[in-house]
């Protein structure tokens, strides 16, 4: 006899994008983890219900989460762009090293290594 599937089923953990500490009072904080595919409004709603915060605070929290997520995505795009530039530069440097000029030829041809 096998155990019920809910006991053996592995939960797919989506990639954690951000972990944000939220100050609720001067002595009380909560942490919000934003994973790939999360709906920010749902996260804010659950957080505010957990800490018994009002709807206005929930709306403000959604705005703050959106701001942090946009900043995260912008930083990731910059990192990807920088990585691509670095990769292109590496290829260019390599191809420049592989160019050989034949100065003994009448036509002054150059050949590149493939």
C-alpha atoms as a PDB file:
ATOM      1  CA  UNK A   1       0.000   0.000   0.000  1.00  0.00           C
ATOM      2  CA  UNK A   2       1.357   3.431  -0.963  1.00  0.00           C
ATOM      3  CA  UNK A   3       0.913   6.623   1.043  1.00  0.00           C
ATOM      4  CA  UNK A   4      -1.462   9.254  -0.332  1.00  0.00           C
ATOM      5  CA  UNK A   5       0.014  11.297  -3.159  1.00  0.00           C
ATOM      6  CA  UNK A   6      -0.169  14.562  -1.216  1.00  0.00           C
ATOM      7  CA  UNK A   7       2.361  13.104   1.235  1.00  0.00           C
ATOM      8  CA  UNK A   8       4.859  12.115  -1.428  1.00  0.00           C
ATOM      9  CA  UNK A   9       4.251  14.814  -4.007  1.00  0.00           C
ATOM     10  CA  UNK A  10       7.154  17.205  -4.168  1.00  0.00           C
ATOM     11  CA  UNK A  11       6.202  20.847  -4.244  1.00  0.00           C
ATOM     12  CA  UNK A  12       7.836  22.764  -7.046  1.00  0.00           C
ATOM     13  CA  UNK A  13       9.676  25.685  -5.513  1.00  0.00           C
ATOM     14  CA  UNK A  14       9.848  28.579  -7.878  1.00  0.00           C
ATOM     15  CA  UNK A  15      12.970  30.690  -7.942  1.00  0.00           C
ATOM     16  CA  UNK A  16      13.132  33.274  -5.152  1.00  0.00           C
ATOM     17  CA  UNK A  17      13.606  36.684  -6.738  1.00  0.00           C
ATOM     18  CA  UNK A  18      13.470  38.974  -3.728  1.00  0.00           C
ATOM     19  CA  UNK A  19      13.223  38.755   0.013  1.00  0.00           C
ATOM     20  CA  UNK A  20      11.991  41.987   1.572  1.00  0.00           C
ATOM     21  CA  UNK A  21      11.835  42.845   5.253  1.00  0.00           C
ATOM     22  CA  UNK A  22       8.818  45.005   6.083  1.00  0.00           C
ATOM     23  CA  UNK A  23       8.690  47.119   9.238  1.00  0.00           C
ATOM     24  CA  UNK A  24       5.227  46.889  10.755  1.00  0.00           C
ATOM     25  CA  UNK A  25       5.958  48.706  14.020  1.00  0.00           C
ATOM     26  CA  UNK A  26       9.247  49.910  15.480  1.00  0.00           C
ATOM     27  CA  UNK A  27       9.651  46.499  17.121  1.00  0.00           C
ATOM     28  CA  UNK A  28       7.820  44.202  14.709  1.00  0.00           C
ATOM     29  CA  UNK A  29       8.874  43.163  11.204  1.00  0.00           C
ATOM     30  CA  UNK A  30       7.686  40.686   8.640  1.00  0.00           C
ATOM     31  CA  UNK A  31       9.451  39.174   5.641  1.00  0.00           C
ATOM     32  CA  UNK A  32       8.009  38.826   2.162  1.00  0.00           C
ATOM     33  CA  UNK A  33       9.522  36.473  -0.381  1.00  0.00           C
ATOM     34  CA  UNK A  34       8.708  37.108  -4.029  1.00  0.00           C
ATOM     35  CA  UNK A  35       9.098  34.079  -6.291  1.00  0.00           C
ATOM     36  CA  UNK A  36       8.834  33.775 -10.060  1.00  0.00           C
ATOM     37  CA  UNK A  37       5.200  33.884 -11.102  1.00  0.00           C
ATOM     38  CA  UNK A  38       3.909  35.362  -7.834  1.00  0.00           C
ATOM     39  CA  UNK A  39       1.013  37.818  -7.950  1.00  0.00           C
ATOM     40  CA  UNK A  40       2.046  40.822  -5.878  1.00  0.00           C
ATOM     41  CA  UNK A  41      -1.522  41.710  -4.939  1.00  0.00           C
ATOM     42  CA  UNK A  42      -2.010  38.212  -3.487  1.00  0.00           C
ATOM     43  CA  UNK A  43       1.242  38.409  -1.529  1.00  0.00           C
ATOM     44  CA  UNK A  44       0.311  41.818  -0.087  1.00  0.00           C
ATOM     45  CA  UNK A  45      -3.185  40.631   0.786  1.00  0.00           C
ATOM     46  CA  UNK A  46      -1.922  37.569   2.661  1.00  0.00           C
ATOM     47  CA  UNK A  47       0.744  39.610   4.436  1.00  0.00           C
ATOM     48  CA  UNK A  48      -1.740  42.268   5.535  1.00  0.00           C
ATOM     49  CA  UNK A  49      -4.267  39.692   6.737  1.00  0.00           C
ATOM     50  CA  UNK A  50      -1.530  37.910   8.695  1.00  0.00           C
ATOM     51  CA  UNK A  51      -0.514  41.127  10.449  1.00  0.00           C
ATOM     52  CA  UNK A  52      -4.058  42.589  10.586  1.00  0.00           C
ATOM     53  CA  UNK A  53      -3.205  45.620   8.458  1.00  0.00           C
ATOM     54  CA  UNK A  54      -5.807  47.747   6.686  1.00  0.00           C
ATOM     55  CA  UNK A  55      -6.644  47.970   2.971  1.00  0.00           C
ATOM     56  CA  UNK A  56      -4.802  51.280   2.536  1.00  0.00           C
ATOM     57  CA  UNK A  57      -1.622  49.682   3.890  1.00  0.00           C
ATOM     58  CA  UNK A  58      -2.176  46.745   1.547  1.00  0.00           C
ATOM     59  CA  UNK A  59      -2.401  49.055  -1.460  1.00  0.00           C
ATOM     60  CA  UNK A  60       0.749  50.883  -0.370  1.00  0.00           C
ATOM     61  CA  UNK A  61       2.512  47.557   0.101  1.00  0.00           C
ATOM     62  CA  UNK A  62       1.571  46.473  -3.441  1.00  0.00           C
ATOM     63  CA  UNK A  63       3.114  49.701  -4.790  1.00  0.00           C
ATOM     64  CA  UNK A  64       6.286  49.131  -2.800  1.00  0.00           C
ATOM     65  CA  UNK A  65       6.543  45.512  -3.962  1.00  0.00           C
ATOM     66  CA  UNK A  66       6.054  46.640  -7.578  1.00  0.00           C
ATOM     67  CA  UNK A  67       8.793  49.237  -7.139  1.00  0.00           C
ATOM     68  CA  UNK A  68      11.236  46.682  -5.706  1.00  0.00           C
ATOM     69  CA  UNK A  69      10.395  44.124  -8.390  1.00  0.00           C
ATOM     70  CA  UNK A  70      10.912  46.687 -11.178  1.00  0.00           C
ATOM     71  CA  UNK A  71      14.289  47.656  -9.676  1.00  0.00           C
ATOM     72  CA  UNK A  72      15.246  43.968  -9.465  1.00  0.00           C
ATOM     73  CA  UNK A  73      14.238  43.336 -13.091  1.00  0.00           C
ATOM     74  CA  UNK A  74      16.096  46.447 -14.262  1.00  0.00           C
ATOM     75  CA  UNK A  75      19.235  45.266 -12.446  1.00  0.00           C
ATOM     76  CA  UNK A  76      18.917  41.791 -13.987  1.00  0.00           C
ATOM     77  CA  UNK A  77      18.530  43.302 -17.466  1.00  0.00           C
ATOM     78  CA  UNK A  78      21.645  45.426 -16.910  1.00  0.00           C
ATOM     79  CA  UNK A  79      23.600  42.384 -15.734  1.00  0.00           C
ATOM     80  CA  UNK A  80      22.477  40.407 -18.803  1.00  0.00           C
ATOM     81  CA  UNK A  81      23.373  43.293 -21.108  1.00  0.00           C
ATOM     82  CA  UNK A  82      26.807  43.618 -19.486  1.00  0.00           C
ATOM     83  CA  UNK A  83      27.327  39.859 -19.819  1.00  0.00           C
ATOM     84  CA  UNK A  84      26.443  39.973 -23.525  1.00  0.00           C
ATOM     85  CA  UNK A  85      28.784  42.918 -24.131  1.00  0.00           C
ATOM     86  CA  UNK A  86      31.581  41.098 -22.333  1.00  0.00           C
ATOM     87  CA  UNK A  87      30.922  37.953 -24.401  1.00  0.00           C
ATOM     88  CA  UNK A  88      30.923  39.935 -27.662  1.00  0.00           C
ATOM     89  CA  UNK A  89      34.151  41.686 -26.669  1.00  0.00           C
ATOM     90  CA  UNK A  90      35.744  38.329 -25.897  1.00  0.00           C
ATOM     91  CA  UNK A  91      34.733  37.016 -29.357  1.00  0.00           C
ATOM     92  CA  UNK A  92      36.044  40.182 -31.022  1.00  0.00           C
ATOM     93  CA  UNK A  93      39.344  39.965 -29.149  1.00  0.00           C
ATOM     94  CA  UNK A  94      39.666  36.335 -30.189  1.00  0.00           C
ATOM     95  CA  UNK A  95      38.897  37.079 -33.856  1.00  0.00           C
ATOM     96  CA  UNK A  96      41.392  39.969 -33.863  1.00  0.00           C
ATOM     97  CA  UNK A  97      44.097  37.587 -32.672  1.00  0.00           C
ATOM     98  CA  UNK A  98      43.266  35.154 -35.473  1.00  0.00           C
ATOM     99  CA  UNK A  99      43.717  37.627 -38.333  1.00  0.00           C
ATOM    100  CA  UNK A 100      47.002  37.030 -40.159  1.00  0.00           C
ATOM    101  CA  UNK A 101      48.224  39.439 -42.795  1.00  0.00           C
ATOM    102  CA  UNK A 102      50.247  38.041 -45.687  1.00  0.00           C
ATOM    103  CA  UNK A 103      52.665  40.873 -46.466  1.00  0.00           C
ATOM    104  CA  UNK A 104      54.541  38.748 -49.030  1.00  0.00           C
ATOM    105  CA  UNK A 105      51.506  38.487 -51.275  1.00  0.00           C
ATOM    106  CA  UNK A 106      51.080  40.823 -54.236  1.00  0.00           C
ATOM    107  CA  UNK A 107      47.410  41.371 -53.375  1.00  0.00           C
ATOM    108  CA  UNK A 108      48.035  41.974 -49.667  1.00  0.00           C
ATOM    109  CA  UNK A 109      45.290  39.516 -48.729  1.00  0.00           C
ATOM    110  CA  UNK A 110      44.545  38.603 -45.197  1.00  0.00           C
ATOM    111  CA  UNK A 111      43.275  35.307 -43.929  1.00  0.00           C
ATOM    112  CA  UNK A 112      41.280  34.529 -40.837  1.00  0.00           C
ATOM    113  CA  UNK A 113      41.494  31.289 -38.955  1.00  0.00           C
ATOM    114  CA  UNK A 114      38.222  29.396 -38.813  1.00  0.00           C
END
